[in-house]
PDB file of N, CA and C in Angstrom:
ATOM      1  N   UNK A   1      39.420 -10.879  56.741  1.00  0.00           N
ATOM      2  CA  UNK A   1      40.451  -9.928  57.001  1.00  0.00           C
ATOM      3  C   UNK A   1      41.639 -10.441  57.769  1.00  0.00           C
ATOM      4  N   UNK A   2      42.839  -9.729  57.293  1.00  0.00           N
ATOM      5  CA  UNK A   2      44.193 -10.376  58.576  1.00  0.00           C
ATOM      6  C   UNK A   2      44.365  -8.814  58.814  1.00  0.00           C
ATOM      7  N   UNK A   3      43.971  -8.627  60.210  1.00  0.00           N
ATOM      8  CA  UNK A   3      44.026  -7.214  61.004  1.00  0.00           C
ATOM      9  C   UNK A   3      45.470  -6.948  61.106  1.00  0.00           C
ATOM     10  N   UNK A   4      46.209  -5.948  61.058  1.00  0.00           N
ATOM     11  CA  UNK A   4      47.393  -5.819  61.655  1.00  0.00           C
ATOM     12  C   UNK A   4      48.276  -6.105  60.417  1.00  0.00           C
ATOM     13  N   UNK A   5      47.783  -6.259  59.137  1.00  0.00           N
ATOM     14  CA  UNK A   5      48.615  -6.237  58.197  1.00  0.00           C
ATOM     15  C   UNK A   5      49.787  -5.542  57.963  1.00  0.00           C
ATOM     16  N   UNK A   6      51.180  -5.905  57.887  1.00  0.00           N
ATOM     17  CA  UNK A   6      51.938  -5.003  57.425  1.00  0.00           C
ATOM     18  C   UNK A   6      51.843  -3.834  56.086  1.00  0.00           C
ATOM     19  N   UNK A   7      51.808  -2.539  56.092  1.00  0.00           N
ATOM     20  CA  UNK A   7      51.286  -2.084  54.943  1.00  0.00           C
ATOM     21  C   UNK A   7      52.203  -1.768  54.136  1.00  0.00           C
ATOM     22  N   UNK A   8      53.445  -2.549  54.568  1.00  0.00           N
ATOM     23  CA  UNK A   8      54.420  -2.571  53.443  1.00  0.00           C
ATOM     24  C   UNK A   8      54.325  -3.618  52.232  1.00  0.00           C
ATOM     25  N   UNK A   9      53.431  -4.738  52.996  1.00  0.00           N
ATOM     26  CA  UNK A   9      52.708  -5.626  52.005  1.00  0.00           C
ATOM     27  C   UNK A   9      51.530  -5.544  51.225  1.00  0.00           C
ATOM     28  N   UNK A  10      50.685  -4.237  51.411  1.00  0.00           N
ATOM     29  CA  UNK A  10      49.793  -4.212  50.566  1.00  0.00           C
ATOM     30  C   UNK A  10      50.167  -3.310  49.213  1.00  0.00           C
ATOM     31  N   UNK A  11      49.670  -3.731  48.443  1.00  0.00           N
ATOM     32  CA  UNK A  11      49.838  -3.078  47.078  1.00  0.00           C
ATOM     33  C   UNK A  11      48.719  -2.904  46.312  1.00  0.00           C
ATOM     34  N   UNK A  12      48.640  -1.973  45.249  1.00  0.00           N
ATOM     35  CA  UNK A  12      47.753  -1.653  44.483  1.00  0.00           C
ATOM     36  C   UNK A  12      46.991  -3.052  44.100  1.00  0.00           C
ATOM     37  N   UNK A  13      45.653  -3.202  43.958  1.00  0.00           N
ATOM     38  CA  UNK A  13      45.393  -4.220  43.394  1.00  0.00           C
ATOM     39  C   UNK A  13      44.602  -5.135  44.374  1.00  0.00           C
ATOM     40  N   UNK A  14      45.334  -5.028  45.896  1.00  0.00           N
ATOM     41  CA  UNK A  14      44.755  -5.669  47.077  1.00  0.00           C
ATOM     42  C   UNK A  14      43.433  -5.106  47.617  1.00  0.00           C
ATOM     43  N   UNK A  15      42.464  -5.955  47.810  1.00  0.00           N
ATOM     44  CA  UNK A  15      41.284  -5.278  48.595  1.00  0.00           C
ATOM     45  C   UNK A  15      41.416  -5.180  50.206  1.00  0.00           C
ATOM     46  N   UNK A  16      41.286  -4.186  50.653  1.00  0.00           N
ATOM     47  CA  UNK A  16      41.899  -3.554  51.792  1.00  0.00           C
ATOM     48  C   UNK A  16      40.241  -3.192  52.388  1.00  0.00           C
ATOM     49  N   UNK A  17      40.194  -3.188  54.092  1.00  0.00           N
ATOM     50  CA  UNK A  17      39.095  -2.893  54.790  1.00  0.00           C
ATOM     51  C   UNK A  17      39.428  -1.377  55.475  1.00  0.00           C
ATOM     52  N   UNK A  18      38.910  -0.425  55.485  1.00  0.00           N
ATOM     53  CA  UNK A  18      39.385   0.868  56.148  1.00  0.00           C
ATOM     54  C   UNK A  18      38.236   0.954  57.158  1.00  0.00           C
ATOM     55  N   UNK A  19      38.621   2.124  58.113  1.00  0.00           N
ATOM     56  CA  UNK A  19      37.671   2.482  58.997  1.00  0.00           C
ATOM     57  C   UNK A  19      36.528   3.751  58.634  1.00  0.00           C
ATOM     58  N   UNK A  20      35.605   4.202  59.009  1.00  0.00           N
ATOM     59  CA  UNK A  20      34.953   5.262  58.623  1.00  0.00           C
ATOM     60  C   UNK A  20      34.426   5.501  59.990  1.00  0.00           C
ATOM     61  N   UNK A  21      33.662   6.634  60.269  1.00  0.00           N
ATOM     62  CA  UNK A  21      32.982   7.326  61.090  1.00  0.00           C
ATOM     63  C   UNK A  21      32.041   5.793  61.667  1.00  0.00           C
ATOM     64  N   UNK A  22      31.258   5.207  60.683  1.00  0.00           N
ATOM     65  CA  UNK A  22      30.213   4.198  61.567  1.00  0.00           C
ATOM     66  C   UNK A  22      30.704   2.871  60.228  1.00  0.00           C
ATOM     67  N   UNK A  23      31.346   2.031  60.927  1.00  0.00           N
ATOM     68  CA  UNK A  23      31.463   0.708  60.359  1.00  0.00           C
ATOM     69  C   UNK A  23      33.038   0.600  59.461  1.00  0.00           C
ATOM     70  N   UNK A  24      32.884  -0.180  58.333  1.00  0.00           N
ATOM     71  CA  UNK A  24      34.115  -0.249  57.692  1.00  0.00           C
ATOM     72  C   UNK A  24      33.770  -0.092  56.184  1.00  0.00           C
ATOM     73  N   UNK A  25      34.875   0.328  55.261  1.00  0.00           N
ATOM     74  CA  UNK A  25      34.611  -0.048  53.858  1.00  0.00           C
ATOM     75  C   UNK A  25      35.759  -1.017  53.423  1.00  0.00           C
ATOM     76  N   UNK A  26      34.927  -1.773  52.621  1.00  0.00           N
ATOM     77  CA  UNK A  26      36.041  -2.638  51.655  1.00  0.00           C
ATOM     78  C   UNK A  26      36.322  -2.608  50.369  1.00  0.00           C
ATOM     79  N   UNK A  27      37.057  -1.624  50.031  1.00  0.00           N
ATOM     80  CA  UNK A  27      37.220  -1.515  48.316  1.00  0.00           C
ATOM     81  C   UNK A  27      38.633  -1.754  47.883  1.00  0.00           C
ATOM     82  N   UNK A  28      38.936  -1.966  46.536  1.00  0.00           N
ATOM     83  CA  UNK A  28      40.233  -2.032  45.884  1.00  0.00           C
ATOM     84  C   UNK A  28      41.147  -1.385  46.245  1.00  0.00           C
ATOM     85  N   UNK A  29      42.262  -1.133  46.544  1.00  0.00           N
ATOM     86  CA  UNK A  29      43.489  -0.333  46.531  1.00  0.00           C
ATOM     87  C   UNK A  29      43.894  -0.061  45.177  1.00  0.00           C
ATOM     88  N   UNK A  30      43.632   1.206  44.834  1.00  0.00           N
ATOM     89  CA  UNK A  30      44.122   1.548  43.358  1.00  0.00           C
ATOM     90  C   UNK A  30      45.309   1.918  43.161  1.00  0.00           C
ATOM     91  N   UNK A  31      45.975   2.983  44.640  1.00  0.00           N
ATOM     92  CA  UNK A  31      47.297   3.468  44.490  1.00  0.00           C
ATOM     93  C   UNK A  31      47.640   4.103  45.907  1.00  0.00           C
ATOM     94  N   UNK A  32      48.684   3.957  45.801  1.00  0.00           N
ATOM     95  CA  UNK A  32      49.348   4.884  47.474  1.00  0.00           C
ATOM     96  C   UNK A  32      50.483   5.762  46.723  1.00  0.00           C
ATOM     97  N   UNK A  33      50.114   6.942  47.645  1.00  0.00           N
ATOM     98  CA  UNK A  33      50.591   8.186  47.379  1.00  0.00           C
ATOM     99  C   UNK A  33      51.538   8.761  48.446  1.00  0.00           C
ATOM    100  N   UNK A  34      52.425   8.801  48.088  1.00  0.00           N
ATOM    101  CA  UNK A  34      53.630   9.577  49.476  1.00  0.00           C
ATOM    102  C   UNK A  34      53.775  11.044  49.441  1.00  0.00           C
ATOM    103  N   UNK A  35      53.631  11.362  50.732  1.00  0.00           N
ATOM    104  CA  UNK A  35      53.388  12.734  50.556  1.00  0.00           C
ATOM    105  C   UNK A  35      54.431  13.357  52.117  1.00  0.00           C
ATOM    106  N   UNK A  36      54.743  14.411  51.653  1.00  0.00           N
ATOM    107  CA  UNK A  36      55.782  14.906  52.919  1.00  0.00           C
ATOM    108  C   UNK A  36      55.847  13.557  54.163  1.00  0.00           C
ATOM    109  N   UNK A  37      55.168  13.918  55.177  1.00  0.00           N
ATOM    110  CA  UNK A  37      55.220  12.938  56.485  1.00  0.00           C
ATOM    111  C   UNK A  37      54.119  11.674  56.582  1.00  0.00           C
ATOM    112  N   UNK A  38      53.575  11.572  55.231  1.00  0.00           N
ATOM    113  CA  UNK A  38      52.277  10.769  55.381  1.00  0.00           C
ATOM    114  C   UNK A  38      52.074   9.994  54.648  1.00  0.00           C
ATOM    115  N   UNK A  39      51.678   8.595  54.329  1.00  0.00           N
ATOM    116  CA  UNK A  39      51.141   7.716  52.952  1.00  0.00           C
ATOM    117  C   UNK A  39      49.686   7.963  53.078  1.00  0.00           C
ATOM    118  N   UNK A  40      49.260   8.337  51.830  1.00  0.00           N
ATOM    119  CA  UNK A  40      47.923   8.196  51.424  1.00  0.00           C
ATOM    120  C   UNK A  40      47.185   6.874  50.685  1.00  0.00           C
ATOM    121  N   UNK A  41      46.750   5.996  51.095  1.00  0.00           N
ATOM    122  CA  UNK A  41      45.987   4.811  50.249  1.00  0.00           C
ATOM    123  C   UNK A  41      44.757   5.299  49.660  1.00  0.00           C
ATOM    124  N   UNK A  42      44.482   5.204  48.455  1.00  0.00           N
ATOM    125  CA  UNK A  42      43.272   5.261  47.956  1.00  0.00           C
ATOM    126  C   UNK A  42      42.874   4.157  47.173  1.00  0.00           C
ATOM    127  N   UNK A  43      41.072   4.210  47.566  1.00  0.00           N
ATOM    128  CA  UNK A  43      40.575   2.943  47.072  1.00  0.00           C
ATOM    129  C   UNK A  43      39.328   3.150  46.292  1.00  0.00           C
ATOM    130  N   UNK A  44      38.571   2.409  45.471  1.00  0.00           N
ATOM    131  CA  UNK A  44      37.666   2.559  45.056  1.00  0.00           C
ATOM    132  C   UNK A  44      36.628   0.817  44.607  1.00  0.00           C
ATOM    133  N   UNK A  45      35.598   0.983  45.151  1.00  0.00           N
ATOM    134  CA  UNK A  45      34.943  -0.250  44.741  1.00  0.00           C
ATOM    135  C   UNK A  45      35.157  -0.726  42.963  1.00  0.00           C
ATOM    136  N   UNK A  46      34.967  -1.702  43.071  1.00  0.00           N
ATOM    137  CA  UNK A  46      35.099  -2.313  41.246  1.00  0.00           C
ATOM    138  C   UNK A  46      34.153  -1.742  40.702  1.00  0.00           C
ATOM    139  N   UNK A  47      32.680  -0.952  41.179  1.00  0.00           N
ATOM    140  CA  UNK A  47      31.803  -0.922  40.882  1.00  0.00           C
ATOM    141  C   UNK A  47      31.168   0.608  40.716  1.00  0.00           C
ATOM    142  N   UNK A  48      32.064   1.097  41.240  1.00  0.00           N
ATOM    143  CA  UNK A  48      32.018   2.505  41.514  1.00  0.00           C
ATOM    144  C   UNK A  48      32.813   3.480  40.365  1.00  0.00           C
ATOM    145  N   UNK A  49      32.142   4.467  40.440  1.00  0.00           N
ATOM    146  CA  UNK A  49      32.921   5.528  39.103  1.00  0.00           C
ATOM    147  C   UNK A  49      34.030   6.500  39.675  1.00  0.00           C
ATOM    148  N   UNK A  50      34.168   6.732  41.077  1.00  0.00           N
ATOM    149  CA  UNK A  50      35.058   7.683  41.332  1.00  0.00           C
ATOM    150  C   UNK A  50      35.841   6.893  42.641  1.00  0.00           C
ATOM    151  N   UNK A  51      37.089   7.421  42.980  1.00  0.00           N
ATOM    152  CA  UNK A  51      37.654   6.673  44.050  1.00  0.00           C
ATOM    153  C   UNK A  51      37.402   7.415  45.301  1.00  0.00           C
ATOM    154  N   UNK A  52      37.454   6.705  46.412  1.00  0.00           N
ATOM    155  CA  UNK A  52      37.264   7.011  47.651  1.00  0.00           C
ATOM    156  C   UNK A  52      38.335   8.605  47.904  1.00  0.00           C
ATOM    157  N   UNK A  53      38.038   9.094  49.166  1.00  0.00           N
ATOM    158  CA  UNK A  53      38.912  10.118  49.628  1.00  0.00           C
ATOM    159  C   UNK A  53      39.864   9.091  50.219  1.00  0.00           C
ATOM    160  N   UNK A  54      41.228   9.565  50.119  1.00  0.00           N
ATOM    161  CA  UNK A  54      42.438   8.799  50.672  1.00  0.00           C
ATOM    162  C   UNK A  54      42.293   8.558  52.032  1.00  0.00           C
ATOM    163  N   UNK A  55      42.890   7.606  52.748  1.00  0.00           N
ATOM    164  CA  UNK A  55      42.943   7.238  53.926  1.00  0.00           C
ATOM    165  C   UNK A  55      44.322   7.026  54.400  1.00  0.00           C
ATOM    166  N   UNK A  56      44.723   7.555  55.777  1.00  0.00           N
ATOM    167  CA  UNK A  56      45.933   6.803  55.713  1.00  0.00           C
ATOM    168  C   UNK A  56      46.319   5.732  56.676  1.00  0.00           C
ATOM    169  N   UNK A  57      47.586   4.913  56.967  1.00  0.00           N
ATOM    170  CA  UNK A  57      47.584   3.902  57.303  1.00  0.00           C
ATOM    171  C   UNK A  57      46.876   3.537  58.571  1.00  0.00           C
ATOM    172  N   UNK A  58      46.708   4.470  59.622  1.00  0.00           N
ATOM    173  CA  UNK A  58      46.146   4.283  60.809  1.00  0.00           C
ATOM    174  C   UNK A  58      44.596   4.388  60.291  1.00  0.00           C
ATOM    175  N   UNK A  59      44.136   4.413  59.304  1.00  0.00           N
ATOM    176  CA  UNK A  59      42.516   3.906  59.101  1.00  0.00           C
ATOM    177  C   UNK A  59      42.537   2.413  58.575  1.00  0.00           C
ATOM    178  N   UNK A  60      43.664   1.891  58.145  1.00  0.00           N
ATOM    179  CA  UNK A  60      43.463   0.648  57.753  1.00  0.00           C
ATOM    180  C   UNK A  60      43.260  -0.361  58.680  1.00  0.00           C
ATOM    181  N   UNK A  61      42.193  -1.343  58.724  1.00  0.00           N
ATOM    182  CA  UNK A  61      41.711  -2.291  59.357  1.00  0.00           C
ATOM    183  C   UNK A  61      42.575  -3.661  59.023  1.00  0.00           C
ATOM    184  N   UNK A  62      42.860  -3.686  57.571  1.00  0.00           N
ATOM    185  CA  UNK A  62      43.488  -5.018  57.144  1.00  0.00           C
ATOM    186  C   UNK A  62      43.308  -5.115  55.632  1.00  0.00           C
ATOM    187  N   UNK A  63      43.975  -6.345  55.267  1.00  0.00           N
ATOM    188  CA  UNK A  63      43.838  -6.408  54.114  1.00  0.00           C
ATOM    189  C   UNK A  63      42.687  -8.100  53.713  1.00  0.00           C
ATOM    190  N   UNK A  64      41.924  -7.944  52.671  1.00  0.00           N
ATOM    191  CA  UNK A  64      41.143  -8.970  52.888  1.00  0.00           C
ATOM    192  C   UNK A  64      42.083 -10.142  52.434  1.00  0.00           C
ATOM    193  N   UNK A  65      41.833 -11.295  52.805  1.00  0.00           N
ATOM    194  CA  UNK A  65      42.937 -12.233  52.410  1.00  0.00           C
ATOM    195  C   UNK A  65      41.941 -13.398  51.838  1.00  0.00           C
ATOM    196  N   UNK A  66      40.656 -13.686  51.914  1.00  0.00           N
ATOM    197  CA  UNK A  66      40.114 -14.612  51.233  1.00  0.00           C
ATOM    198  C   UNK A  66      38.677 -14.374  51.345  1.00  0.00           C
ATOM    199  N   UNK A  67      37.819 -14.714  50.416  1.00  0.00           N
ATOM    200  CA  UNK A  67      36.383 -14.473  50.052  1.00  0.00           C
ATOM    201  C   UNK A  67      35.841 -15.544  50.119  1.00  0.00           C
ATOM    202  N   UNK A  68      34.378 -15.790  50.403  1.00  0.00           N
ATOM    203  CA  UNK A  68      33.780 -16.930  49.963  1.00  0.00           C
ATOM    204  C   UNK A  68      32.300 -16.547  49.173  1.00  0.00           C
ATOM    205  N   UNK A  69      31.762 -17.010  48.094  1.00  0.00           N
ATOM    206  CA  UNK A  69      30.584 -16.368  47.860  1.00  0.00           C
ATOM    207  C   UNK A  69      29.459 -17.376  47.940  1.00  0.00           C
ATOM    208  N   UNK A  70      28.168 -17.099  47.594  1.00  0.00           N
ATOM    209  CA  UNK A  70      27.333 -18.044  47.658  1.00  0.00           C
ATOM    210  C   UNK A  70      26.890 -19.057  47.384  1.00  0.00           C
ATOM    211  N   UNK A  71      27.740 -19.490  46.747  1.00  0.00           N
ATOM    212  CA  UNK A  71      27.855 -21.101  46.212  1.00  0.00           C
ATOM    213  C   UNK A  71      29.124 -21.991  46.974  1.00  0.00           C
ATOM    214  N   UNK A  72      29.543 -21.057  47.876  1.00  0.00           N
ATOM    215  CA  UNK A  72      30.912 -21.805  48.769  1.00  0.00           C
ATOM    216  C   UNK A  72      32.486 -21.488  47.787  1.00  0.00           C
ATOM    217  N   UNK A  73      32.413 -20.878  46.891  1.00  0.00           N
ATOM    218  CA  UNK A  73      33.478 -20.885  46.246  1.00  0.00           C
ATOM    219  C   UNK A  73      34.372 -19.901  47.033  1.00  0.00           C
ATOM    220  N   UNK A  74      35.581 -20.495  47.022  1.00  0.00           N
ATOM    221  CA  UNK A  74      36.698 -19.293  47.798  1.00  0.00           C
ATOM    222  C   UNK A  74      38.010 -18.920  46.977  1.00  0.00           C
ATOM    223  N   UNK A  75      37.938 -17.566  47.133  1.00  0.00           N
ATOM    224  CA  UNK A  75      39.153 -16.967  46.668  1.00  0.00           C
ATOM    225  C   UNK A  75      39.931 -16.862  47.682  1.00  0.00           C
ATOM    226  N   UNK A  76      41.467 -16.699  47.342  1.00  0.00           N
ATOM    227  CA  UNK A  76      42.488 -16.332  48.026  1.00  0.00           C
ATOM    228  C   UNK A  76      43.673 -15.928  47.389  1.00  0.00           C
ATOM    229  N   UNK A  77      44.561 -15.241  47.866  1.00  0.00           N
ATOM    230  CA  UNK A  77      45.759 -14.653  47.640  1.00  0.00           C
ATOM    231  C   UNK A  77      45.476 -14.164  46.383  1.00  0.00           C
ATOM    232  N   UNK A  78      46.312 -14.581  45.456  1.00  0.00           N
ATOM    233  CA  UNK A  78      46.496 -13.771  43.887  1.00  0.00           C
ATOM    234  C   UNK A  78      45.089 -13.646  43.325  1.00  0.00           C
ATOM    235  N   UNK A  79      44.107 -14.556  43.615  1.00  0.00           N
ATOM    236  CA  UNK A  79      42.905 -14.767  42.898  1.00  0.00           C
ATOM    237  C   UNK A  79      41.951 -13.534  43.326  1.00  0.00           C
ATOM    238  N   UNK A  80      42.273 -13.163  44.582  1.00  0.00           N
ATOM    239  CA  UNK A  80      41.593 -11.910  44.635  1.00  0.00           C
ATOM    240  C   UNK A  80      41.845 -10.790  43.949  1.00  0.00           C
ATOM    241  N   UNK A  81      43.440 -10.449  43.416  1.00  0.00           N
ATOM    242  CA  UNK A  81      43.539  -9.608  42.468  1.00  0.00           C
ATOM    243  C   UNK A  81      43.200  -9.766  40.922  1.00  0.00           C
ATOM    244  N   UNK A  82      42.452 -10.776  40.644  1.00  0.00           N
ATOM    245  CA  UNK A  82      42.195 -10.879  39.407  1.00  0.00           C
ATOM    246  C   UNK A  82      40.863 -10.463  39.485  1.00  0.00           C
ATOM    247  N   UNK A  83      40.678  -9.673  38.396  1.00  0.00           N
ATOM    248  CA  UNK A  83      39.190  -8.793  38.107  1.00  0.00           C
ATOM    249  C   UNK A  83      38.616  -9.259  37.103  1.00  0.00           C
ATOM    250  N   UNK A  84      38.062 -10.168  37.070  1.00  0.00           N
ATOM    251  CA  UNK A  84      37.642 -10.715  35.634  1.00  0.00           C
ATOM    252  C   UNK A  84      36.190  -9.905  35.027  1.00  0.00           C
ATOM    253  N   UNK A  85      35.687  -8.918  35.716  1.00  0.00           N
ATOM    254  CA  UNK A  85      34.226  -8.252  35.473  1.00  0.00           C
ATOM    255  C   UNK A  85      35.030  -6.866  35.657  1.00  0.00           C
ATOM    256  N   UNK A  86      36.075  -6.877  35.932  1.00  0.00           N
ATOM    257  CA  UNK A  86      36.506  -5.248  36.425  1.00  0.00           C
ATOM    258  C   UNK A  86      36.049  -4.084  35.342  1.00  0.00           C
ATOM    259  N   UNK A  87      36.543  -4.502  33.928  1.00  0.00           N
ATOM    260  CA  UNK A  87      36.451  -3.916  32.872  1.00  0.00           C
ATOM    261  C   UNK A  87      35.148  -3.565  32.602  1.00  0.00           C
ATOM    262  N   UNK A  88      34.045  -4.743  32.722  1.00  0.00           N
ATOM    263  CA  UNK A  88      32.987  -4.713  32.264  1.00  0.00           C
ATOM    264  C   UNK A  88      31.851  -3.509  33.412  1.00  0.00           C
ATOM    265  N   UNK A  89      32.636  -3.946  34.790  1.00  0.00           N
ATOM    266  CA  UNK A  89      31.934  -3.166  35.532  1.00  0.00           C
ATOM    267  C   UNK A  89      32.130  -1.555  35.098  1.00  0.00           C
ATOM    268  N   UNK A  90      33.640  -1.161  35.050  1.00  0.00           N
ATOM    269  CA  UNK A  90      33.908   0.588  34.899  1.00  0.00           C
ATOM    270  C   UNK A  90      32.862   0.907  33.724  1.00  0.00           C
ATOM    271  N   UNK A  91      32.878   0.045  32.724  1.00  0.00           N
ATOM    272  CA  UNK A  91      32.311   0.757  31.184  1.00  0.00           C
ATOM    273  C   UNK A  91      30.769   0.607  31.474  1.00  0.00           C
ATOM    274  N   UNK A  92      30.220   0.021  32.339  1.00  0.00           N
ATOM    275  CA  UNK A  92      28.758  -0.119  32.760  1.00  0.00           C
ATOM    276  C   UNK A  92      28.347   1.110  33.613  1.00  0.00           C
ATOM    277  N   UNK A  93      29.203   1.343  34.589  1.00  0.00           N
ATOM    278  CA  UNK A  93      29.043   2.258  35.582  1.00  0.00           C
ATOM    279  C   UNK A  93      29.296   3.600  34.514  1.00  0.00           C
ATOM    280  N   UNK A  94      30.012   3.980  33.662  1.00  0.00           N
ATOM    281  CA  UNK A  94      30.396   5.083  33.148  1.00  0.00           C
ATOM    282  C   UNK A  94      28.839   5.005  32.060  1.00  0.00           C
ATOM    283  N   UNK A  95      28.714   4.388  31.494  1.00  0.00           N
ATOM    284  CA  UNK A  95      27.550   4.519  30.486  1.00  0.00           C
ATOM    285  C   UNK A  95      26.416   4.942  31.253  1.00  0.00           C
ATOM    286  N   UNK A  96      25.926   4.117  32.381  1.00  0.00           N
ATOM    287  CA  UNK A  96      24.756   4.537  33.403  1.00  0.00           C
ATOM    288  C   UNK A  96      25.112   5.978  33.574  1.00  0.00           C
ATOM    289  N   UNK A  97      26.175   6.417  34.297  1.00  0.00           N
ATOM    290  CA  UNK A  97      26.288   7.977  34.572  1.00  0.00           C
ATOM    291  C   UNK A  97      25.977   8.815  33.647  1.00  0.00           C
ATOM    292  N   UNK A  98      26.773   8.423  32.495  1.00  0.00           N
ATOM    293  CA  UNK A  98      26.833   9.357  31.067  1.00  0.00           C
ATOM    294  C   UNK A  98      25.430   9.417  30.900  1.00  0.00           C
ATOM    295  N   UNK A  99      24.410   8.491  30.702  1.00  0.00           N
ATOM    296  CA  UNK A  99      22.921   8.316  30.172  1.00  0.00           C
ATOM    297  C   UNK A  99      22.067   9.260  31.181  1.00  0.00           C
ATOM    298  N   UNK A 100      22.217   9.084  32.239  1.00  0.00           N
ATOM    299  CA  UNK A 100      21.578   9.880  33.392  1.00  0.00           C
ATOM    300  C   UNK A 100      21.850  11.244  33.316  1.00  0.00           C
ATOM    301  N   UNK A 101      23.409  11.556  33.058  1.00  0.00           N
ATOM    302  CA  UNK A 101      23.506  13.072  32.811  1.00  0.00           C
ATOM    303  C   UNK A 101      22.960  13.692  31.547  1.00  0.00           C
ATOM    304  N   UNK A 102      22.969  12.938  30.421  1.00  0.00           N
ATOM    305  CA  UNK A 102      22.505  13.422  29.336  1.00  0.00           C
ATOM    306  C   UNK A 102      21.118  13.562  29.576  1.00  0.00           C
ATOM    307  N   UNK A 103      20.244  12.949  30.243  1.00  0.00           N
ATOM    308  CA  UNK A 103      18.804  12.720  30.174  1.00  0.00           C
ATOM    309  C   UNK A 103      18.566  13.890  31.208  1.00  0.00           C
ATOM    310  N   UNK A 104      19.242  14.099  32.288  1.00  0.00           N
ATOM    311  CA  UNK A 104      19.169  15.338  32.892  1.00  0.00           C
ATOM    312  C   UNK A 104      19.139  16.455  31.983  1.00  0.00           C
ATOM    313  N   UNK A 105      20.088  16.818  31.195  1.00  0.00           N
ATOM    314  CA  UNK A 105      20.367  18.074  30.471  1.00  0.00           C
ATOM    315  C   UNK A 105      19.380  18.198  29.667  1.00  0.00           C
ATOM    316  N   UNK A 106      19.029  17.131  28.594  1.00  0.00           N
ATOM    317  CA  UNK A 106      17.787  16.867  27.827  1.00  0.00           C
ATOM    318  C   UNK A 106      16.584  17.505  28.509  1.00  0.00           C
ATOM    319  N   UNK A 107      16.353  17.101  29.664  1.00  0.00           N
ATOM    320  CA  UNK A 107      15.165  17.795  30.509  1.00  0.00           C
ATOM    321  C   UNK A 107      14.833  18.962  30.652  1.00  0.00           C
ATOM    322  N   UNK A 108      16.174  19.471  31.064  1.00  0.00           N
ATOM    323  CA  UNK A 108      16.383  20.887  31.518  1.00  0.00           C
ATOM    324  C   UNK A 108      16.121  21.620  30.391  1.00  0.00           C
ATOM    325  N   UNK A 109      16.589  21.312  28.846  1.00  0.00           N
ATOM    326  CA  UNK A 109      16.555  21.757  27.942  1.00  0.00           C
ATOM    327  C   UNK A 109      14.987  22.002  27.454  1.00  0.00           C
ATOM    328  N   UNK A 110      14.296  20.824  27.284  1.00  0.00           N
ATOM    329  CA  UNK A 110      12.904  20.716  27.010  1.00  0.00           C
ATOM    330  C   UNK A 110      12.290  21.688  27.840  1.00  0.00           C
ATOM    331  N   UNK A 111      12.056  21.513  28.934  1.00  0.00           N
ATOM    332  CA  UNK A 111      11.643  22.192  29.937  1.00  0.00           C
ATOM    333  C   UNK A 111      11.736  23.878  29.816  1.00  0.00           C
ATOM    334  N   UNK A 112      13.056  24.363  29.627  1.00  0.00           N
ATOM    335  CA  UNK A 112      13.588  25.497  29.065  1.00  0.00           C
ATOM    336  C   UNK A 112      12.408  26.117  27.724  1.00  0.00           C
ATOM    337  N   UNK A 113      12.661  24.936  26.900  1.00  0.00           N
ATOM    338  CA  UNK A 113      12.067  25.482  25.459  1.00  0.00           C
ATOM    339  C   UNK A 113      10.522  25.492  25.673  1.00  0.00           C
ATOM    340  N   UNK A 114       9.883  24.725  26.368  1.00  0.00           N
ATOM    341  CA  UNK A 114       8.483  24.916  26.209  1.00  0.00           C
ATOM    342  C   UNK A 114       7.519  26.021  27.311  1.00  0.00           C
ATOM    343  N   UNK A 115       8.877  26.735  27.784  1.00  0.00           N
ATOM    344  CA  UNK A 115       8.560  28.112  28.379  1.00  0.00           C
ATOM    345  C   UNK A 115       7.593  27.801  29.772  1.00  0.00           C
ATOM    346  N   UNK A 116       7.355  28.959  30.474  1.00  0.00           N
ATOM    347  CA  UNK A 116       6.447  28.643  31.750  1.00  0.00           C
ATOM    348  C   UNK A 116       5.118  28.469  31.268  1.00  0.00           C
ATOM    349  N   UNK A 117       4.653  27.569  32.317  1.00  0.00           N
ATOM    350  CA  UNK A 117       2.973  26.864  32.116  1.00  0.00           C
ATOM    351  C   UNK A 117       2.092  28.126  32.727  1.00  0.00           C
ATOM    352  N   UNK A 118       1.268  28.300  32.000  1.00  0.00           N
ATOM    353  CA  UNK A 118       0.498  29.441  32.038  1.00  0.00           C
ATOM    354  C   UNK A 118      -1.120  28.770  32.337  1.00  0.00           C
TER     355      UNK A 118
END
């Protein structure tokens, strides 16, 4: 992580680390929104359905500049912006949460239809 990264150099697609009450969150920046006197940064994990609450520049610890996986393969720079499984992850998360939601609704319908247990 490059601490103290100039926030002007951070763009959607970058992976950033931001502080929270305990520890850090490392997620992909998906958009930047300018409001009156502040700039808000919105992130979301590649496998998460919803975006995180916005964070201000003061909360950003830095930008991830390099990753290394268990096989010692290194990704740097623009390679980090490439998301080969991003679309698959997004579809999978939506399918799983949709199935879970449907299962819960069907369970409630069957419980209601069977009436009270006597």
